[in-house]
Amino acid sequence: MKDLKQMWLIKIDPNRLTEDGITLKMQNGCIKVKQLGHYIESGDNSGRYTNRTNNAEIKKIMDDIQTITSTDLKNATALYRFPRLSLSRDKVKILQEKFDLKLKRDFNDADYGIVSEKYFDGLFVSKWLSAAKSADVLSWAQVYKDCFEDDLYDEIVYMLDKIPADAHVVLETDWFSSYNYDNFSNITKYSKMSESARNLGKGSKYHYYVESLDQWNNIQDNMSKLVWDTNINDLATEDSEVLTEEMYIQLKTMLGWEKTESGCGWQGTRDKENMNLALAMIANCNIKESHTYLALLFSFLSDSMKDAGIWNSVNFKSVRKKFQRYIDFSGWSWCSVYNHLLEELIKDDALTEIAWKEIAEKMYDDVLSTQYGVDGANNFSISPDSIQLKPELKAKMKLDKEFDEHIEKITLDNLEAMVDMHTESHDYAR
């Protein structure tokens, strides 16, 4: 990936023309040739950020960024923060104090550089363009040069000569409408010229490139020093409180969770102070060990969380990012969303008996009871306890005993202590 081809754009605009009352001529300067950057790859996906996994080369680069542990930080002396991080300075400060680390202004002076997906993805530029060949453009110009102003053909030859032989060439051609030019003698050929220009391309795709080769090479040379901001956030909270079932229930209540005759979920009347406190507790708990409860909270109560001031704070954004898959769930009146939730929990090795009971109860209330009338008022004996998980999925579920042995019990009295550790979470404006 170090030796990237140059990427050049040929832009043709047939709407820039002159008319003498009889014929149409494409103006000098209506064809532009310029280097965009250095080419990485092309893809048929719908955008580089949301579908980056479809871009093989970019995904490989992203996947090469390592995951470090506290042991690695014990042997380090300095960190560097890249821009656009979803990571609060308070979290970094925790690690600085714990491991006696300094923050450097120069990436080259640090042991690790903290990057975000937003920053890394911002290294790449994408444009929806057609691949082309300079020789084909030149052949097209030769065929239709009687539709050009006098100097345009020579101008095209001169510009195409600038493009290196091994460059990746892309084409952008504007549409031309003959609607206002029916009376011109060469309108048929001029229109055919414009159509032929559009057909010079080999199919439209997203073409990915980097504008700054120096920046790109610096990143490539130092890949072993890069760590994700989510990785650093996990390390900063690994000594924090682990959520228990009691704490989970308390957090639900603080976020306005209620069970009603019409189902269960958050209600309109909620105390904003309690909601902000709940989000602060979430942001400052042990993220890794509290994964199951956090996944349930974000799945069922993210719409409620969005009304809290802390939702858009830097400290909370880092947690949101990690659980975005769960936030994106919708359609709780349909069984399919519960299937997806189970699959994501299994993928994260986070399906516990408690989680299954929560899912079964909500599905009973919001699907079976609300949508299909299956409740205590009819003659059928169906309850949340009667909903069964398939044996192959049940085998992947962590039993309560196993879960309890892994997570040390913590009393509710320790909840507020979690917030006091990190003052940034109280700054709702940040």
Protein backbone atom coordinates (compact mmCIF):
# COMPACT_ATOMS: atom_id res chain seq x y z
CA MET A 1 0.00 0.00 0.00
CA LYS A 2 3.00 2.33 0.22
CA ASP A 3 3.45 2.71 -3.55
CA LEU A 4 0.09 4.12 -4.54
CA LYS A 5 -0.73 5.07 -8.11
CA GLN A 6 -1.60 8.66 -8.87
CA MET A 7 -5.31 9.25 -9.44
CA TRP A 8 -6.26 11.72 -12.20
CA LEU A 9 -9.65 13.15 -13.10
CA ILE A 10 -10.82 14.09 -16.60
CA LYS A 11 -13.91 16.28 -16.44
CA ILE A 12 -15.92 17.07 -19.59
CA ASP A 13 -18.67 19.71 -19.68
CA PRO A 14 -20.41 19.89 -23.09
CA ASN A 15 -22.75 22.62 -21.84
CA ARG A 16 -19.96 25.19 -22.12
CA LEU A 17 -20.36 26.01 -25.79
CA THR A 18 -20.43 28.82 -28.32
CA GLU A 19 -23.00 29.30 -31.04
CA ASP A 20 -22.76 31.34 -34.20
CA GLY A 21 -26.40 30.91 -35.15
CA ILE A 22 -25.63 27.92 -37.36
CA THR A 23 -23.30 25.50 -35.49
CA LEU A 24 -22.40 24.61 -31.91
CA LYS A 25 -18.79 24.45 -30.69
CA MET A 26 -17.53 23.19 -27.32
CA GLN A 27 -15.51 25.97 -25.70
CA ASN A 28 -11.82 25.97 -24.89
CA GLY A 29 -11.42 25.16 -21.22
CA CYS A 30 -14.51 22.96 -20.99
CA ILE A 31 -12.31 19.89 -20.38
CA LYS A 32 -10.33 19.83 -17.13
CA VAL A 33 -7.57 17.42 -16.18
CA LYS A 34 -6.14 17.33 -12.65
CA GLN A 35 -4.57 15.00 -10.13
CA LEU A 36 -6.93 14.22 -7.23
CA GLY A 37 -4.49 12.27 -5.08
CA HIS A 38 -3.25 8.70 -4.82
CA TYR A 39 -5.55 5.81 -5.62
CA ILE A 40 -6.45 3.07 -3.13
CA GLU A 41 -9.36 1.08 -4.54
CA SER A 42 -12.83 1.14 -6.06
CA GLY A 43 -16.08 -0.23 -4.66
CA ASP A 44 -19.76 -0.61 -5.54
CA ASN A 45 -21.00 0.13 -2.02
CA SER A 46 -23.16 3.05 -0.97
CA GLY A 47 -20.52 5.07 0.90
CA ARG A 48 -17.14 4.69 2.49
CA TYR A 49 -18.03 5.14 6.12
CA THR A 50 -21.12 3.05 6.68
CA ASN A 51 -19.97 0.29 4.36
CA ARG A 52 -16.23 0.35 4.82
CA THR A 53 -16.23 -3.42 5.36
CA ASN A 54 -16.99 -3.84 1.66
CA ASN A 55 -13.72 -2.11 0.79
CA ALA A 56 -11.13 -4.84 1.07
CA GLU A 57 -8.01 -2.71 1.19
CA ILE A 58 -9.39 -0.17 3.63
CA LYS A 59 -10.81 -2.87 5.90
CA LYS A 60 -7.45 -4.61 5.98
CA ILE A 61 -5.75 -1.43 7.10
CA MET A 62 -8.35 -0.80 9.80
CA ASP A 63 -8.15 -4.39 11.02
CA ASP A 64 -4.37 -4.14 11.37
CA ILE A 65 -4.71 -1.62 14.20
CA GLN A 66 -3.85 -3.52 17.34
CA THR A 67 -5.66 -3.92 20.64
CA ILE A 68 -3.41 -3.17 23.60
CA THR A 69 -3.68 -4.08 27.29
CA SER A 70 -2.68 -2.47 30.55
CA THR A 71 0.53 -4.49 30.38
CA ASP A 72 1.46 -2.66 27.19
CA LEU A 73 0.87 0.71 28.84
CA LYS A 74 3.12 -0.26 31.77
CA ASN A 75 6.01 -0.31 29.32
CA ALA A 76 5.03 2.96 27.62
CA THR A 77 5.98 6.53 28.45
CA ALA A 78 3.83 8.75 26.24
CA LEU A 79 0.58 8.95 24.24
CA TYR A 80 -0.53 11.10 21.32
CA ARG A 81 -4.15 12.13 20.64
CA PHE A 82 -5.16 12.35 17.01
CA PRO A 83 -8.07 14.70 16.21
CA ARG A 84 -11.73 13.66 16.06
CA LEU A 85 -11.65 11.23 18.99
CA SER A 86 -14.71 9.93 20.81
CA LEU A 87 -12.70 9.88 24.00
CA SER A 88 -12.77 12.37 26.84
CA ARG A 89 -9.58 13.91 28.18
CA ASP A 90 -10.62 12.72 31.64
CA LYS A 91 -10.40 9.10 30.49
CA VAL A 92 -6.92 9.69 29.07
CA LYS A 93 -5.93 11.44 32.29
CA ILE A 94 -6.91 8.34 34.27
CA LEU A 95 -4.41 6.30 32.29
CA GLN A 96 -1.77 9.04 32.52
CA GLU A 97 -1.95 8.98 36.29
CA LYS A 98 -2.17 5.19 36.54
CA PHE A 99 0.80 4.46 34.27
CA ASP A 100 2.74 7.73 34.59
CA LEU A 101 2.22 8.61 30.92
CA LYS A 102 2.78 11.94 29.20
CA LEU A 103 0.84 13.46 26.30
CA LYS A 104 3.03 14.45 23.36
CA ARG A 105 2.38 17.10 20.71
CA ASP A 106 4.22 15.05 18.09
CA PHE A 107 3.03 11.56 17.13
CA ASN A 108 6.62 10.46 16.45
CA ASP A 109 7.55 11.16 20.10
CA ALA A 110 4.81 8.90 21.51
CA ASP A 111 4.64 5.16 22.10
CA TYR A 112 1.01 5.03 20.99
CA GLY A 113 -1.19 7.26 18.89
CA ILE A 114 -4.90 7.19 19.72
CA VAL A 115 -7.12 7.27 16.62
CA SER A 116 -10.82 7.07 15.95
CA GLU A 117 -12.66 5.53 13.03
CA LYS A 118 -13.80 9.03 12.07
CA TYR A 119 -10.24 10.29 11.87
CA PHE A 120 -8.94 7.25 10.06
CA ASP A 121 -11.82 7.19 7.64
CA GLY A 122 -11.22 10.89 7.01
CA LEU A 123 -7.83 10.02 5.53
CA PHE A 124 -9.72 8.65 2.55
CA VAL A 125 -11.73 10.58 0.01
CA SER A 126 -14.34 8.93 -2.17
CA LYS A 127 -16.01 10.11 -5.36
CA TRP A 128 -18.68 8.45 -7.52
CA LEU A 129 -16.91 8.35 -10.88
CA SER A 130 -16.23 6.16 -13.91
CA ALA A 131 -12.86 4.57 -14.63
CA ALA A 132 -11.46 5.58 -18.02
CA LYS A 133 -8.39 5.45 -20.27
CA SER A 134 -6.56 8.50 -21.56
CA ALA A 135 -6.21 6.84 -24.97
CA ASP A 136 -9.99 6.45 -25.25
CA VAL A 137 -10.51 10.12 -24.42
CA LEU A 138 -7.96 11.10 -27.06
CA SER A 139 -9.66 8.89 -29.66
CA TRP A 140 -12.99 10.49 -28.80
CA ALA A 141 -11.50 13.97 -29.23
CA GLN A 142 -10.12 13.02 -32.65
CA VAL A 143 -13.53 11.85 -33.84
CA TYR A 144 -15.41 14.94 -32.66
CA LYS A 145 -12.82 17.72 -32.97
CA ASP A 146 -14.97 19.51 -35.58
CA CYS A 147 -17.38 20.14 -32.68
CA PHE A 148 -14.60 21.93 -30.73
CA GLU A 149 -13.36 25.48 -30.80
CA ASP A 150 -10.13 25.85 -32.77
CA ASP A 151 -7.63 25.34 -29.92
CA LEU A 152 -9.55 22.81 -27.81
CA TYR A 153 -8.18 19.64 -29.42
CA ASP A 154 -4.57 20.72 -28.95
CA GLU A 155 -5.45 21.71 -25.40
CA ILE A 156 -6.82 18.19 -24.74
CA VAL A 157 -3.68 16.56 -26.15
CA TYR A 158 -1.49 18.76 -23.96
CA MET A 159 -3.44 17.98 -20.78
CA LEU A 160 -3.65 14.23 -21.40
CA ASP A 161 0.12 14.11 -21.83
CA LYS A 162 0.47 15.18 -18.19
CA ILE A 163 -1.16 11.98 -16.94
CA PRO A 164 1.40 9.26 -16.06
CA ALA A 165 1.07 6.05 -18.01
CA ASP A 166 0.42 3.97 -14.87
CA ALA A 167 -2.06 6.40 -13.27
CA HIS A 168 -5.59 5.46 -12.27
CA VAL A 169 -7.80 7.65 -14.49
CA VAL A 170 -11.41 8.55 -13.69
CA LEU A 171 -13.98 10.43 -15.71
CA GLU A 172 -16.77 12.86 -14.87
CA THR A 173 -19.06 13.99 -17.70
CA ASP A 174 -21.97 16.40 -17.45
CA TRP A 175 -25.26 15.71 -19.21
CA PHE A 176 -26.18 17.72 -22.27
CA SER A 177 -29.71 18.61 -23.34
CA SER A 178 -30.43 19.46 -26.97
CA TYR A 179 -33.80 21.00 -26.06
CA ASN A 180 -32.81 24.61 -26.86
CA TYR A 181 -30.62 23.83 -29.89
CA ASP A 182 -32.90 22.07 -32.38
CA ASN A 183 -32.30 24.65 -35.11
CA PHE A 184 -28.51 24.20 -35.24
CA SER A 185 -27.12 22.29 -38.19
CA ASN A 186 -24.74 20.06 -36.18
CA ILE A 187 -27.00 19.39 -33.20
CA THR A 188 -27.21 15.66 -34.03
CA LYS A 189 -23.43 15.21 -34.02
CA TYR A 190 -22.97 17.48 -31.00
CA SER A 191 -25.51 15.42 -29.04
CA LYS A 192 -23.81 12.20 -30.15
CA MET A 193 -20.46 13.67 -29.03
CA SER A 194 -21.87 14.31 -25.54
CA GLU A 195 -23.38 10.85 -25.32
CA SER A 196 -20.11 9.28 -26.47
CA ALA A 197 -18.23 11.22 -23.77
CA ARG A 198 -20.47 9.70 -21.09
CA ASN A 199 -19.85 6.23 -22.50
CA LEU A 200 -16.07 6.60 -22.23
CA GLY A 201 -16.31 5.49 -18.62
CA LYS A 202 -16.24 1.81 -17.61
CA GLY A 203 -19.11 1.92 -15.13
CA SER A 204 -19.57 4.17 -12.11
CA LYS A 205 -18.20 3.20 -8.70
CA TYR A 206 -16.86 4.84 -5.56
CA HIS A 207 -13.17 5.54 -6.12
CA TYR A 208 -11.14 5.87 -2.92
CA TYR A 209 -7.98 7.89 -2.68
CA VAL A 210 -5.77 9.87 -0.31
CA GLU A 211 -5.01 13.53 -0.89
CA SER A 212 -1.89 13.73 1.30
CA LEU A 213 0.65 11.05 0.47
CA ASP A 214 3.00 12.25 3.23
CA GLN A 215 0.26 11.87 5.85
CA TRP A 216 -0.64 8.48 4.45
CA ASN A 217 2.95 7.23 4.48
CA ASN A 218 3.44 8.46 8.04
CA ILE A 219 0.41 6.43 9.14
CA GLN A 220 1.61 3.39 7.21
CA ASP A 221 5.10 3.60 8.73
CA ASN A 222 3.67 3.73 12.24
CA MET A 223 0.74 1.31 12.10
CA SER A 224 2.18 -0.65 15.03
CA LYS A 225 1.81 2.46 17.23
CA LEU A 226 -1.88 3.10 16.50
CA VAL A 227 -4.65 2.17 18.95
CA TRP A 228 -8.39 2.77 18.79
CA ASP A 229 -10.04 5.31 21.08
CA THR A 230 -12.53 2.58 22.08
CA ASN A 231 -9.61 0.41 23.24
CA ILE A 232 -8.28 3.24 25.39
CA ASN A 233 -11.74 3.90 26.81
CA ASP A 234 -12.03 0.24 27.88
CA LEU A 235 -8.63 0.42 29.60
CA ALA A 236 -9.59 3.63 31.39
CA THR A 237 -12.68 1.98 32.87
CA GLU A 238 -11.30 -1.48 33.65
CA ASP A 239 -10.88 -0.58 37.34
CA SER A 240 -14.34 1.00 37.54
CA GLU A 241 -17.47 -0.49 39.07
CA VAL A 242 -19.09 -3.43 37.30
CA LEU A 243 -22.85 -3.19 36.85
CA THR A 244 -24.89 -5.75 38.80
CA GLU A 245 -28.49 -6.82 38.25
CA GLU A 246 -29.60 -4.51 41.05
CA MET A 247 -27.77 -1.59 39.51
CA TYR A 248 -29.24 -2.43 36.11
CA ILE A 249 -32.76 -2.32 37.53
CA GLN A 250 -32.00 0.96 39.26
CA LEU A 251 -30.65 2.49 36.04
CA LYS A 252 -33.81 1.44 34.18
CA THR A 253 -35.94 3.16 36.79
CA MET A 254 -33.83 6.33 36.62
CA LEU A 255 -34.33 6.37 32.83
CA GLY A 256 -38.10 6.16 33.21
CA TRP A 257 -38.73 2.46 32.62
CA GLU A 258 -42.19 1.31 33.62
CA LYS A 259 -44.39 -1.67 32.97
CA THR A 260 -47.95 -0.72 32.03
CA GLU A 261 -51.05 -2.42 30.69
CA SER A 262 -49.97 -1.56 27.16
CA GLY A 263 -46.51 -3.06 27.52
CA CYS A 264 -43.19 -2.08 29.01
CA GLY A 265 -40.76 0.67 28.16
CA TRP A 266 -39.82 4.24 29.01
CA GLN A 267 -42.52 6.73 29.83
CA GLY A 268 -42.87 10.43 29.03
CA THR A 269 -42.47 11.70 32.59
CA ARG A 270 -38.85 11.42 33.58
CA ASP A 271 -36.58 13.32 35.92
CA LYS A 272 -33.78 14.95 33.89
CA GLU A 273 -31.38 15.00 36.83
CA ASN A 274 -31.83 11.27 37.39
CA MET A 275 -31.42 10.63 33.68
CA ASN A 276 -28.14 12.55 33.54
CA LEU A 277 -26.90 10.73 36.62
CA ALA A 278 -27.80 7.39 35.01
CA LEU A 279 -25.86 8.24 31.85
CA ALA A 280 -22.87 9.33 33.94
CA MET A 281 -22.95 5.96 35.71
CA ILE A 282 -23.09 4.16 32.39
CA ALA A 283 -20.18 6.17 30.94
CA ASN A 284 -17.98 5.54 33.97
CA CYS A 285 -18.67 1.89 34.75
CA ASN A 286 -16.48 -1.02 33.67
CA ILE A 287 -17.60 -1.11 30.06
CA LYS A 288 -16.17 -4.52 29.18
CA GLU A 289 -17.49 -6.44 32.19
CA SER A 290 -20.87 -4.67 32.13
CA HIS A 291 -21.47 -5.40 28.44
CA THR A 292 -24.66 -7.43 28.87
CA TYR A 293 -26.48 -4.84 30.96
CA LEU A 294 -25.27 -1.97 28.82
CA ALA A 295 -26.44 -3.74 25.66
CA LEU A 296 -29.92 -4.15 27.17
CA LEU A 297 -30.05 -0.52 28.32
CA PHE A 298 -29.04 0.80 24.93
CA SER A 299 -31.44 -1.56 23.16
CA PHE A 300 -34.51 -0.78 25.24
CA LEU A 301 -33.86 2.75 26.50
CA SER A 302 -31.65 4.66 24.04
CA ASP A 303 -34.64 6.78 22.92
CA SER A 304 -35.06 7.87 26.51
CA MET A 305 -31.32 8.49 26.95
CA LYS A 306 -31.32 10.91 24.02
CA ASP A 307 -33.31 13.39 26.12
CA ALA A 308 -30.51 13.61 28.70
CA GLY A 309 -27.95 16.41 28.48
CA ILE A 310 -25.03 14.01 28.80
CA TRP A 311 -26.05 12.08 25.66
CA ASN A 312 -23.86 14.31 23.45
CA SER A 313 -20.95 14.70 25.86
CA VAL A 314 -17.54 13.41 24.76
CA ASN A 315 -17.45 11.02 27.70
CA PHE A 316 -20.73 9.36 26.77
CA LYS A 317 -20.14 9.37 23.01
CA SER A 318 -17.31 6.88 23.42
CA VAL A 319 -19.72 4.41 25.05
CA ARG A 320 -22.45 5.12 22.49
CA LYS A 321 -20.06 4.31 19.70
CA LYS A 322 -19.24 0.90 21.17
CA PHE A 323 -22.94 0.00 21.47
CA GLN A 324 -24.21 1.63 18.27
CA ARG A 325 -25.48 -1.72 16.94
CA TYR A 326 -27.85 -1.95 19.89
CA ILE A 327 -28.95 1.68 19.64
CA ASP A 328 -29.95 1.10 16.00
CA PHE A 329 -32.56 -1.53 16.90
CA SER A 330 -36.18 -0.57 16.25
CA GLY A 331 -39.57 -2.19 15.74
CA TRP A 332 -40.09 -3.74 19.17
CA SER A 333 -43.62 -4.83 18.26
CA TRP A 334 -42.15 -7.43 15.87
CA CYS A 335 -40.37 -10.68 16.73
CA SER A 336 -37.56 -10.07 14.22
CA VAL A 337 -35.88 -7.36 16.33
CA TYR A 338 -35.66 -9.75 19.30
CA ASN A 339 -33.97 -12.31 17.05
CA HIS A 340 -31.40 -9.70 16.03
CA LEU A 341 -30.81 -8.70 19.65
CA LEU A 342 -30.17 -12.31 20.65
CA GLU A 343 -27.77 -12.76 17.74
CA GLU A 344 -25.79 -9.66 18.69
CA LEU A 345 -25.54 -10.72 22.33
CA ILE A 346 -24.33 -14.18 21.29
CA LYS A 347 -21.81 -12.60 18.91
CA ASP A 348 -20.47 -10.55 21.85
CA ASP A 349 -20.51 -13.59 24.19
CA ALA A 350 -22.90 -11.58 26.38
CA LEU A 351 -26.11 -13.64 26.43
CA THR A 352 -26.93 -14.46 30.05
CA GLU A 353 -29.99 -15.93 31.75
CA ILE A 354 -30.87 -12.46 33.03
CA ALA A 355 -30.65 -11.03 29.51
CA TRP A 356 -32.84 -13.83 28.12
CA LYS A 357 -35.49 -13.24 30.82
CA GLU A 358 -35.50 -9.51 30.02
CA ILE A 359 -35.90 -10.19 26.30
CA ALA A 360 -38.62 -12.80 26.82
CA GLU A 361 -40.61 -10.49 29.11
CA LYS A 362 -40.43 -7.54 26.74
CA MET A 363 -41.34 -9.70 23.74
CA TYR A 364 -44.31 -11.12 25.67
CA ASP A 365 -45.55 -7.65 26.65
CA ASP A 366 -44.89 -5.80 23.40
CA VAL A 367 -45.52 -8.52 20.82
CA LEU A 368 -47.64 -11.40 22.15
CA SER A 369 -49.78 -9.38 24.55
CA THR A 370 -50.03 -5.97 22.86
CA GLN A 371 -50.12 -7.10 19.21
CA TYR A 372 -51.84 -10.47 19.49
CA GLY A 373 -53.87 -10.20 22.68
CA VAL A 374 -52.13 -13.07 24.41
CA ASP A 375 -52.50 -12.12 28.07
CA GLY A 376 -54.18 -13.14 31.33
CA ALA A 377 -57.60 -12.05 30.09
CA ASN A 378 -57.92 -14.93 27.61
CA ASN A 379 -58.14 -18.69 28.03
CA PHE A 380 -54.58 -19.48 27.02
CA SER A 381 -51.90 -20.18 29.58
CA ILE A 382 -48.98 -18.28 28.09
CA SER A 383 -46.49 -16.21 30.08
CA PRO A 384 -42.93 -14.88 29.63
CA ASP A 385 -41.68 -18.01 31.45
CA SER A 386 -43.28 -20.26 28.81
CA ILE A 387 -41.23 -18.68 25.99
CA GLN A 388 -38.31 -21.00 25.27
CA LEU A 389 -34.97 -20.39 23.64
CA LYS A 390 -33.85 -22.90 21.00
CA PRO A 391 -31.49 -25.53 22.48
CA GLU A 392 -28.59 -24.57 20.19
CA LEU A 393 -28.84 -20.95 21.37
CA LYS A 394 -29.43 -21.90 25.01
CA ALA A 395 -26.13 -23.76 24.89
CA LYS A 396 -24.41 -20.44 24.20
CA MET A 397 -26.03 -18.69 27.16
CA LYS A 398 -24.05 -17.95 30.32
CA LEU A 399 -25.77 -19.34 33.39
CA ASP A 400 -26.47 -17.01 36.31
CA LYS A 401 -24.04 -18.93 38.54
CA GLU A 402 -21.27 -18.59 36.00
CA PHE A 403 -22.07 -14.92 35.54
CA ASP A 404 -22.17 -14.22 39.25
CA GLU A 405 -18.82 -15.92 39.77
CA HIS A 406 -17.32 -13.71 37.08
CA ILE A 407 -18.81 -10.47 38.35
CA GLU A 408 -18.26 -9.55 41.97
CA LYS A 409 -21.42 -8.35 43.71
CA ILE A 410 -21.53 -4.56 44.25
CA THR A 411 -24.11 -2.75 46.37
CA LEU A 412 -26.22 0.18 45.19
CA ASP A 413 -24.47 2.34 47.75
CA ASN A 414 -21.47 2.47 45.44
CA LEU A 415 -23.36 3.92 42.50
CA GLU A 416 -22.70 7.60 43.13
CA ALA A 417 -19.03 6.90 43.77
CA MET A 418 -18.75 5.89 40.12
CA VAL A 419 -19.72 9.38 39.03
CA ASP A 420 -17.44 11.22 41.44
CA MET A 421 -14.41 9.62 39.80
CA HIS A 422 -14.98 11.55 36.57
CA THR A 423 -16.01 15.17 36.77
CA GLU A 424 -16.46 15.62 33.05
CA SER A 425 -19.71 13.70 33.08
CA HIS A 426 -21.26 16.42 35.25
CA ASP A 427 -20.41 19.03 32.60
CA TYR A 428 -23.49 18.57 30.45
CA ALA A 429 -22.44 21.27 28.00
CA ARG A 430 -19.25 19.52 26.88
